[in-house]
Amino acid sequence: MNDTSPFAPDPSTDEPPRLHIEVDPMRCVGSAMCVELAPGVFALNHWRQSEVVDPEGDTLADILEAAGNCPTSAITVSNAVTGEILFP
């Protein structure tokens, strides 16, 4: 099967894309869903808002699940090389 979606690994390297992940502090309400689903990537800061601690700390699937479960849609995920938005 030939997967050409933006979520597919780079076929030349067989590695997932490098990611740029942002949490909008004006939208984050500190529900910690992202921390629960991708604890290697997200942590709560001293204001109890999520922040990115390691964009490579979990799998792409876990990161996208965490972003998709954010109750305020505060998380944006993009390909760090191409700038292509992967979520939302």
PDB file of N, CA and C in Angstrom:
ATOM      1  N   MET A   1       0.847  -1.190   0.000  1.00  0.00           N
ATOM      2  CA  MET A   1       0.000   0.000   0.000  1.00  0.00           C
ATOM      3  C   MET A   1       0.886   1.244   0.000  1.00  0.00           C
ATOM      4  N   ASN A   2       0.570   2.183  -0.841  1.00  0.00           N
ATOM      5  CA  ASN A   2       1.360   3.406  -0.975  1.00  0.00           C
ATOM      6  C   ASN A   2       0.661   4.524  -0.215  1.00  0.00           C
ATOM      7  N   ASP A   3       1.175   4.864   0.956  1.00  0.00           N
ATOM      8  CA  ASP A   3       0.577   5.901   1.795  1.00  0.00           C
ATOM      9  C   ASP A   3       1.286   7.220   1.538  1.00  0.00           C
ATOM     10  N   THR A   4       0.564   8.192   0.956  1.00  0.00           N
ATOM     11  CA  THR A   4       1.157   9.490   0.670  1.00  0.00           C
ATOM     12  C   THR A   4       0.566  10.584   1.552  1.00  0.00           C
ATOM     13  N   SER A   5      -0.098  10.193   2.641  1.00  0.00           N
ATOM     14  CA  SER A   5      -0.682  11.187   3.530  1.00  0.00           C
ATOM     15  C   SER A   5       0.429  11.931   4.271  1.00  0.00           C
ATOM     16  N   PRO A   6       0.131  13.123   4.810  1.00  0.00           N
ATOM     17  CA  PRO A   6       1.151  13.873   5.542  1.00  0.00           C
ATOM     18  C   PRO A   6       1.578  13.175   6.829  1.00  0.00           C
ATOM     19  N   PHE A   7       0.823  12.155   7.257  1.00  0.00           N
ATOM     20  CA  PHE A   7       1.155  11.424   8.464  1.00  0.00           C
ATOM     21  C   PHE A   7       2.111  10.277   8.196  1.00  0.00           C
ATOM     22  N   ALA A   8       2.344   9.966   6.922  1.00  0.00           N
ATOM     23  CA  ALA A   8       3.209   8.848   6.573  1.00  0.00           C
ATOM     24  C   ALA A   8       4.666   9.200   6.829  1.00  0.00           C
ATOM     25  N   PRO A   9       5.475   8.193   7.166  1.00  0.00           N
ATOM     26  CA  PRO A   9       6.910   8.453   7.310  1.00  0.00           C
ATOM     27  C   PRO A   9       7.506   8.883   5.984  1.00  0.00           C
ATOM     28  N   ASP A  10       8.590   9.620   6.037  1.00  0.00           N
ATOM     29  CA  ASP A  10       9.316  10.003   4.830  1.00  0.00           C
ATOM     30  C   ASP A  10       9.858   8.724   4.203  1.00  0.00           C
ATOM     31  N   PRO A  11       9.436   8.371   2.977  1.00  0.00           N
ATOM     32  CA  PRO A  11       9.861   7.106   2.388  1.00  0.00           C
ATOM     33  C   PRO A  11      11.366   7.020   2.164  1.00  0.00           C
ATOM     34  N   SER A  12      12.042   8.150   2.052  1.00  0.00           N
ATOM     35  CA  SER A  12      13.485   8.106   1.830  1.00  0.00           C
ATOM     36  C   SER A  12      14.256   7.799   3.113  1.00  0.00           C
ATOM     37  N   THR A  13      13.642   8.033   4.276  1.00  0.00           N
ATOM     38  CA  THR A  13      14.321   7.779   5.545  1.00  0.00           C
ATOM     39  C   THR A  13      13.596   6.767   6.412  1.00  0.00           C
ATOM     40  N   ASP A  14      12.332   6.486   6.099  1.00  0.00           N
ATOM     41  CA  ASP A  14      11.514   5.567   6.889  1.00  0.00           C
ATOM     42  C   ASP A  14      11.321   6.066   8.324  1.00  0.00           C
ATOM     43  N   GLU A  15      11.410   7.376   8.523  1.00  0.00           N
ATOM     44  CA  GLU A  15      11.213   7.983   9.832  1.00  0.00           C
ATOM     45  C   GLU A  15      10.006   8.909   9.772  1.00  0.00           C
ATOM     46  N   PRO A  16       9.328   9.099  10.904  1.00  0.00           N
ATOM     47  CA  PRO A  16       8.217  10.052  10.915  1.00  0.00           C
ATOM     48  C   PRO A  16       8.734  11.468  10.696  1.00  0.00           C
ATOM     49  N   PRO A  17       7.862  12.363  10.258  1.00  0.00           N
ATOM     50  CA  PRO A  17       8.303  13.738  10.020  1.00  0.00           C
ATOM     51  C   PRO A  17       8.724  14.424  11.312  1.00  0.00           C
ATOM     52  N   ARG A  18       9.692  15.343  11.226  1.00  0.00           N
ATOM     53  CA  ARG A  18      10.020  16.185  12.379  1.00  0.00           C
ATOM     54  C   ARG A  18       8.839  17.109  12.605  1.00  0.00           C
ATOM     55  N   LEU A  19       8.492  17.320  13.850  1.00  0.00           N
ATOM     56  CA  LEU A  19       7.286  18.063  14.162  1.00  0.00           C
ATOM     57  C   LEU A  19       7.573  19.391  14.843  1.00  0.00           C
ATOM     58  N   HIS A  20       6.702  20.337  14.551  1.00  0.00           N
ATOM     59  CA  HIS A  20       6.650  21.599  15.291  1.00  0.00           C
ATOM     60  C   HIS A  20       5.289  21.584  15.977  1.00  0.00           C
ATOM     61  N   ILE A  21       5.293  21.657  17.298  1.00  0.00           N
ATOM     62  CA  ILE A  21       4.061  21.578  18.080  1.00  0.00           C
ATOM     63  C   ILE A  21       3.935  22.843  18.901  1.00  0.00           C
ATOM     64  N   GLU A  22       2.769  23.465  18.827  1.00  0.00           N
ATOM     65  CA  GLU A  22       2.517  24.690  19.596  1.00  0.00           C
ATOM     66  C   GLU A  22       1.271  24.521  20.447  1.00  0.00           C
ATOM     67  N   VAL A  23       1.307  25.092  21.632  1.00  0.00           N
ATOM     68  CA  VAL A  23       0.134  25.173  22.496  1.00  0.00           C
ATOM     69  C   VAL A  23      -0.180  26.654  22.660  1.00  0.00           C
ATOM     70  N   ASP A  24      -1.387  27.049  22.287  1.00  0.00           N
ATOM     71  CA  ASP A  24      -1.812  28.438  22.408  1.00  0.00           C
ATOM     72  C   ASP A  24      -2.180  28.716  23.870  1.00  0.00           C
ATOM     73  N   PRO A  25      -1.369  29.506  24.575  1.00  0.00           N
ATOM     74  CA  PRO A  25      -1.636  29.746  25.995  1.00  0.00           C
ATOM     75  C   PRO A  25      -2.928  30.525  26.247  1.00  0.00           C
ATOM     76  N   MET A  26      -3.431  31.217  25.231  1.00  0.00           N
ATOM     77  CA  MET A  26      -4.689  31.953  25.389  1.00  0.00           C
ATOM     78  C   MET A  26      -5.889  31.004  25.339  1.00  0.00           C
ATOM     79  N   ARG A  27      -5.694  29.798  24.812  1.00  0.00           N
ATOM     80  CA  ARG A  27      -6.793  28.838  24.704  1.00  0.00           C
ATOM     81  C   ARG A  27      -6.683  27.696  25.707  1.00  0.00           C
ATOM     82  N   CYS A  28      -5.482  27.385  26.155  1.00  0.00           N
ATOM     83  CA  CYS A  28      -5.266  26.245  27.043  1.00  0.00           C
ATOM     84  C   CYS A  28      -5.907  26.500  28.408  1.00  0.00           C
ATOM     85  N   VAL A  29      -6.712  25.530  28.861  1.00  0.00           N
ATOM     86  CA  VAL A  29      -7.364  25.650  30.164  1.00  0.00           C
ATOM     87  C   VAL A  29      -6.791  24.661  31.177  1.00  0.00           C
ATOM     88  N   GLY A  30      -5.730  23.964  30.797  1.00  0.00           N
ATOM     89  CA  GLY A  30      -5.054  23.075  31.730  1.00  0.00           C
ATOM     90  C   GLY A  30      -5.784  21.793  32.050  1.00  0.00           C
ATOM     91  N   SER A  31      -6.534  21.261  31.098  1.00  0.00           N
ATOM     92  CA  SER A  31      -7.255  20.006  31.349  1.00  0.00           C
ATOM     93  C   SER A  31      -6.303  18.823  31.488  1.00  0.00           C
ATOM     94  N   ALA A  32      -5.111  18.949  30.947  1.00  0.00           N
ATOM     95  CA  ALA A  32      -4.055  17.927  31.006  1.00  0.00           C
ATOM     96  C   ALA A  32      -4.359  16.686  30.177  1.00  0.00           C
ATOM     97  N   MET A  33      -5.326  16.753  29.270  1.00  0.00           N
ATOM     98  CA  MET A  33      -5.580  15.612  28.377  1.00  0.00           C
ATOM     99  C   MET A  33      -4.345  15.300  27.542  1.00  0.00           C
ATOM    100  N   CYS A  34      -3.664  16.329  27.079  1.00  0.00           N
ATOM    101  CA  CYS A  34      -2.468  16.113  26.263  1.00  0.00           C
ATOM    102  C   CYS A  34      -1.360  15.460  27.074  1.00  0.00           C
ATOM    103  N   VAL A  35      -1.237  15.850  28.327  1.00  0.00           N
ATOM    104  CA  VAL A  35      -0.223  15.261  29.207  1.00  0.00           C
ATOM    105  C   VAL A  35      -0.539  13.790  29.449  1.00  0.00           C
ATOM    106  N   GLU A  36      -1.802  13.485  29.588  1.00  0.00           N
ATOM    107  CA  GLU A  36      -2.239  12.102  29.796  1.00  0.00           C
ATOM    108  C   GLU A  36      -1.952  11.237  28.563  1.00  0.00           C
ATOM    109  N   LEU A  37      -2.203  11.786  27.370  1.00  0.00           N
ATOM    110  CA  LEU A  37      -2.092  10.999  26.140  1.00  0.00           C
ATOM    111  C   LEU A  37      -0.697  11.003  25.523  1.00  0.00           C
ATOM    112  N   ALA A  38       0.078  12.045  25.750  1.00  0.00           N
ATOM    113  CA  ALA A  38       1.438  12.131  25.198  1.00  0.00           C
ATOM    114  C   ALA A  38       2.366  12.756  26.247  1.00  0.00           C
ATOM    115  N   PRO A  39       2.617  12.031  27.343  1.00  0.00           N
ATOM    116  CA  PRO A  39       3.395  12.598  28.449  1.00  0.00           C
ATOM    117  C   PRO A  39       4.851  12.884  28.114  1.00  0.00           C
ATOM    118  N   GLY A  40       5.367  12.288  27.067  1.00  0.00           N
ATOM    119  CA  GLY A  40       6.736  12.578  26.665  1.00  0.00           C
ATOM    120  C   GLY A  40       6.875  13.896  25.935  1.00  0.00           C
ATOM    121  N   VAL A  41       5.740  14.442  25.477  1.00  0.00           N
ATOM    122  CA  VAL A  41       5.741  15.682  24.701  1.00  0.00           C
ATOM    123  C   VAL A  41       5.251  16.868  25.513  1.00  0.00           C
ATOM    124  N   PHE A  42       4.208  16.661  26.300  1.00  0.00           N
ATOM    125  CA  PHE A  42       3.547  17.763  27.003  1.00  0.00           C
ATOM    126  C   PHE A  42       3.737  17.665  28.517  1.00  0.00           C
ATOM    127  N   ALA A  43       3.776  18.819  29.161  1.00  0.00           N
ATOM    128  CA  ALA A  43       3.797  18.915  30.623  1.00  0.00           C
ATOM    129  C   ALA A  43       3.052  20.188  31.008  1.00  0.00           C
ATOM    130  N   LEU A  44       2.556  20.221  32.229  1.00  0.00           N
ATOM    131  CA  LEU A  44       1.916  21.436  32.724  1.00  0.00           C
ATOM    132  C   LEU A  44       2.971  22.332  33.357  1.00  0.00           C
ATOM    133  N   ASN A  45       2.896  23.619  33.043  1.00  0.00           N
ATOM    134  CA  ASN A  45       3.841  24.577  33.624  1.00  0.00           C
ATOM    135  C   ASN A  45       3.298  25.085  34.963  1.00  0.00           C
ATOM    136  N   HIS A  46       3.963  26.059  35.539  1.00  0.00           N
ATOM    137  CA  HIS A  46       3.542  26.540  36.860  1.00  0.00           C
ATOM    138  C   HIS A  46       2.210  27.309  36.841  1.00  0.00           C
ATOM    139  N   TRP A  47       1.697  27.631  35.670  1.00  0.00           N
ATOM    140  CA  TRP A  47       0.367  28.245  35.542  1.00  0.00           C
ATOM    141  C   TRP A  47      -0.695  27.180  35.278  1.00  0.00           C
ATOM    142  N   ARG A  48      -0.277  25.898  35.312  1.00  0.00           N
ATOM    143  CA  ARG A  48      -1.142  24.757  34.994  1.00  0.00           C
ATOM    144  C   ARG A  48      -1.655  24.800  33.562  1.00  0.00           C
ATOM    145  N   GLN A  49      -0.797  25.282  32.679  1.00  0.00           N
ATOM    146  CA  GLN A  49      -1.095  25.233  31.258  1.00  0.00           C
ATOM    147  C   GLN A  49      -0.092  24.296  30.599  1.00  0.00           C
ATOM    148  N   SER A  50      -0.543  23.683  29.526  1.00  0.00           N
ATOM    149  CA  SER A  50       0.318  22.750  28.821  1.00  0.00           C
ATOM    150  C   SER A  50       1.410  23.488  28.062  1.00  0.00           C
ATOM    151  N   GLU A  51       2.576  22.831  27.997  1.00  0.00           N
ATOM    152  CA  GLU A  51       3.658  23.325  27.164  1.00  0.00           C
ATOM    153  C   GLU A  51       4.380  22.126  26.568  1.00  0.00           C
ATOM    154  N   VAL A  52       5.045  22.353  25.455  1.00  0.00           N
ATOM    155  CA  VAL A  52       5.789  21.294  24.777  1.00  0.00           C
ATOM    156  C   VAL A  52       7.165  21.193  25.423  1.00  0.00           C
ATOM    157  N   VAL A  53       7.495  19.982  25.905  1.00  0.00           N
ATOM    158  CA  VAL A  53       8.806  19.761  26.507  1.00  0.00           C
ATOM    159  C   VAL A  53       9.739  18.979  25.585  1.00  0.00           C
ATOM    160  N   ASP A  54       9.165  18.179  24.666  1.00  0.00           N
ATOM    161  CA  ASP A  54       9.970  17.416  23.710  1.00  0.00           C
ATOM    162  C   ASP A  54       9.088  17.009  22.535  1.00  0.00           C
ATOM    163  N   PRO A  55       9.205  17.686  21.390  1.00  0.00           N
ATOM    164  CA  PRO A  55       8.335  17.368  20.254  1.00  0.00           C
ATOM    165  C   PRO A  55       8.556  15.970  19.683  1.00  0.00           C
ATOM    166  N   GLU A  56       9.613  15.308  20.105  1.00  0.00           N
ATOM    167  CA  GLU A  56       9.881  13.943  19.638  1.00  0.00           C
ATOM    168  C   GLU A  56       9.686  12.922  20.758  1.00  0.00           C
ATOM    169  N   GLY A  57       8.992  13.315  21.829  1.00  0.00           N
ATOM    170  CA  GLY A  57       8.870  12.481  23.010  1.00  0.00           C
ATOM    171  C   GLY A  57       7.841  11.382  22.944  1.00  0.00           C
ATOM    172  N   ASP A  58       7.003  11.369  21.937  1.00  0.00           N
ATOM    173  CA  ASP A  58       5.994  10.326  21.760  1.00  0.00           C
ATOM    174  C   ASP A  58       5.784  10.091  20.277  1.00  0.00           C
ATOM    175  N   THR A  59       4.981   9.091  19.968  1.00  0.00           N
ATOM    176  CA  THR A  59       4.712   8.768  18.567  1.00  0.00           C
ATOM    177  C   THR A  59       3.813   9.825  17.935  1.00  0.00           C
ATOM    178  N   LEU A  60       3.873   9.902  16.628  1.00  0.00           N
ATOM    179  CA  LEU A  60       3.005  10.830  15.900  1.00  0.00           C
ATOM    180  C   LEU A  60       1.545  10.529  16.208  1.00  0.00           C
ATOM    181  N   ALA A  61       1.191   9.265  16.267  1.00  0.00           N
ATOM    182  CA  ALA A  61      -0.196   8.890  16.563  1.00  0.00           C
ATOM    183  C   ALA A  61      -0.629   9.406  17.933  1.00  0.00           C
ATOM    184  N   ASP A  62       0.241   9.266  18.939  1.00  0.00           N
ATOM    185  CA  ASP A  62      -0.094   9.750  20.283  1.00  0.00           C
ATOM    186  C   ASP A  62      -0.201  11.268  20.320  1.00  0.00           C
ATOM    187  N   ILE A  63       0.683  11.949  19.595  1.00  0.00           N
ATOM    188  CA  ILE A  63       0.653  13.413  19.554  1.00  0.00           C
ATOM    189  C   ILE A  63      -0.628  13.910  18.897  1.00  0.00           C
ATOM    190  N   LEU A  64      -1.006  13.288  17.791  1.00  0.00           N
ATOM    191  CA  LEU A  64      -2.231  13.693  17.101  1.00  0.00           C
ATOM    192  C   LEU A  64      -3.469  13.372  17.925  1.00  0.00           C
ATOM    193  N   GLU A  65      -3.438  12.261  18.668  1.00  0.00           N
ATOM    194  CA  GLU A  65      -4.549  11.935  19.551  1.00  0.00           C
ATOM    195  C   GLU A  65      -4.657  12.971  20.670  1.00  0.00           C
ATOM    196  N   ALA A  66      -3.513  13.361  21.217  1.00  0.00           N
ATOM    197  CA  ALA A  66      -3.510  14.374  22.274  1.00  0.00           C
ATOM    198  C   ALA A  66      -4.065  15.701  21.752  1.00  0.00           C
ATOM    199  N   ALA A  67      -3.618  16.108  20.580  1.00  0.00           N
ATOM    200  CA  ALA A  67      -4.107  17.361  19.986  1.00  0.00           C
ATOM    201  C   ALA A  67      -5.603  17.276  19.709  1.00  0.00           C
ATOM    202  N   GLY A  68      -6.042  16.138  19.210  1.00  0.00           N
ATOM    203  CA  GLY A  68      -7.456  15.960  18.891  1.00  0.00           C
ATOM    204  C   GLY A  68      -8.359  15.912  20.104  1.00  0.00           C
ATOM    205  N   ASN A  69      -7.811  15.569  21.254  1.00  0.00           N
ATOM    206  CA  ASN A  69      -8.607  15.487  22.471  1.00  0.00           C
ATOM    207  C   ASN A  69      -8.526  16.741  23.330  1.00  0.00           C
ATOM    208  N   CYS A  70      -7.794  17.743  22.887  1.00  0.00           N
ATOM    209  CA  CYS A  70      -7.733  19.003  23.623  1.00  0.00           C
ATOM    210  C   CYS A  70      -9.122  19.640  23.588  1.00  0.00           C
ATOM    211  N   PRO A  71      -9.728  19.900  24.753  1.00  0.00           N
ATOM    212  CA  PRO A  71     -11.097  20.422  24.767  1.00  0.00           C
ATOM    213  C   PRO A  71     -11.240  21.838  24.197  1.00  0.00           C
ATOM    214  N   THR A  72     -10.139  22.573  24.086  1.00  0.00           N
ATOM    215  CA  THR A  72     -10.228  23.936  23.559  1.00  0.00           C
ATOM    216  C   THR A  72      -9.492  24.089  22.229  1.00  0.00           C
ATOM    217  N   SER A  73      -9.040  22.975  21.647  1.00  0.00           N
ATOM    218  CA  SER A  73      -8.312  22.998  20.370  1.00  0.00           C
ATOM    219  C   SER A  73      -7.121  23.958  20.417  1.00  0.00           C
ATOM    220  N   ALA A  74      -6.362  23.879  21.503  1.00  0.00           N
ATOM    221  CA  ALA A  74      -5.238  24.791  21.703  1.00  0.00           C
ATOM    222  C   ALA A  74      -3.936  24.303  21.064  1.00  0.00           C
ATOM    223  N   ILE A  75      -3.925  23.078  20.526  1.00  0.00           N
ATOM    224  CA  ILE A  75      -2.689  22.482  20.032  1.00  0.00           C
ATOM    225  C   ILE A  75      -2.659  22.456  18.512  1.00  0.00           C
ATOM    226  N   THR A  76      -1.541  22.923  17.961  1.00  0.00           N
ATOM    227  CA  THR A  76      -1.297  22.867  16.519  1.00  0.00           C
ATOM    228  C   THR A  76      -0.062  22.008  16.286  1.00  0.00           C
ATOM    229  N   VAL A  77      -0.171  21.109  15.312  1.00  0.00           N
ATOM    230  CA  VAL A  77       0.944  20.233  14.960  1.00  0.00           C
ATOM    231  C   VAL A  77       1.245  20.435  13.484  1.00  0.00           C
ATOM    232  N   SER A  78       2.507  20.680  13.176  1.00  0.00           N
ATOM    233  CA  SER A  78       2.893  20.837  11.773  1.00  0.00           C
ATOM    234  C   SER A  78       4.211  20.121  11.506  1.00  0.00           C
ATOM    235  N   ASN A  79       4.465  19.888  10.227  1.00  0.00           N
ATOM    236  CA  ASN A  79       5.727  19.303   9.792  1.00  0.00           C
ATOM    237  C   ASN A  79       6.780  20.395   9.906  1.00  0.00           C
ATOM    238  N   ALA A  80       7.835  20.169  10.679  1.00  0.00           N
ATOM    239  CA  ALA A  80       8.849  21.191  10.931  1.00  0.00           C
ATOM    240  C   ALA A  80       9.658  21.514   9.691  1.00  0.00           C
ATOM    241  N   VAL A  81       9.714  20.610   8.744  1.00  0.00           N
ATOM    242  CA  VAL A  81      10.512  20.827   7.539  1.00  0.00           C
ATOM    243  C   VAL A  81       9.705  21.561   6.473  1.00  0.00           C
ATOM    244  N   THR A  82       8.480  21.094   6.232  1.00  0.00           N
ATOM    245  CA  THR A  82       7.674  21.653   5.140  1.00  0.00           C
ATOM    246  C   THR A  82       6.711  22.741   5.589  1.00  0.00           C
ATOM    247  N   GLY A  83       6.408  22.783   6.900  1.00  0.00           N
ATOM    248  CA  GLY A  83       5.432  23.739   7.397  1.00  0.00           C
ATOM    249  C   GLY A  83       4.002  23.272   7.228  1.00  0.00           C
ATOM    250  N   GLU A  84       3.798  22.102   6.637  1.00  0.00           N
ATOM    251  CA  GLU A  84       2.456  21.579   6.404  1.00  0.00           C
ATOM    252  C   GLU A  84       1.767  21.327   7.737  1.00  0.00           C
ATOM    253  N   ILE A  85       0.538  21.835   7.875  1.00  0.00           N
ATOM    254  CA  ILE A  85      -0.247  21.662   9.089  1.00  0.00           C
ATOM    255  C   ILE A  85      -0.784  20.221   9.106  1.00  0.00           C
ATOM    256  N   LEU A  86      -0.486  19.494  10.190  1.00  0.00           N
ATOM    257  CA  LEU A  86      -0.975  18.131  10.348  1.00  0.00           C
ATOM    258  C   LEU A  86      -2.194  18.081  11.243  1.00  0.00           C
ATOM    259  N   PHE A  87      -2.311  19.036  12.151  1.00  0.00           N
ATOM    260  CA  PHE A  87      -3.488  19.160  12.997  1.00  0.00           C
ATOM    261  C   PHE A  87      -3.598  20.602  13.453  1.00  0.00           C
ATOM    262  N   PRO A  88      -4.719  21.239  13.474  1.00  0.00           N
ATOM    263  CA  PRO A  88      -6.017  20.709  13.113  1.00  0.00           C
ATOM    264  C   PRO A  88      -6.196  20.642  11.619  1.00  0.00           C
TER     265      PRO A  88
END
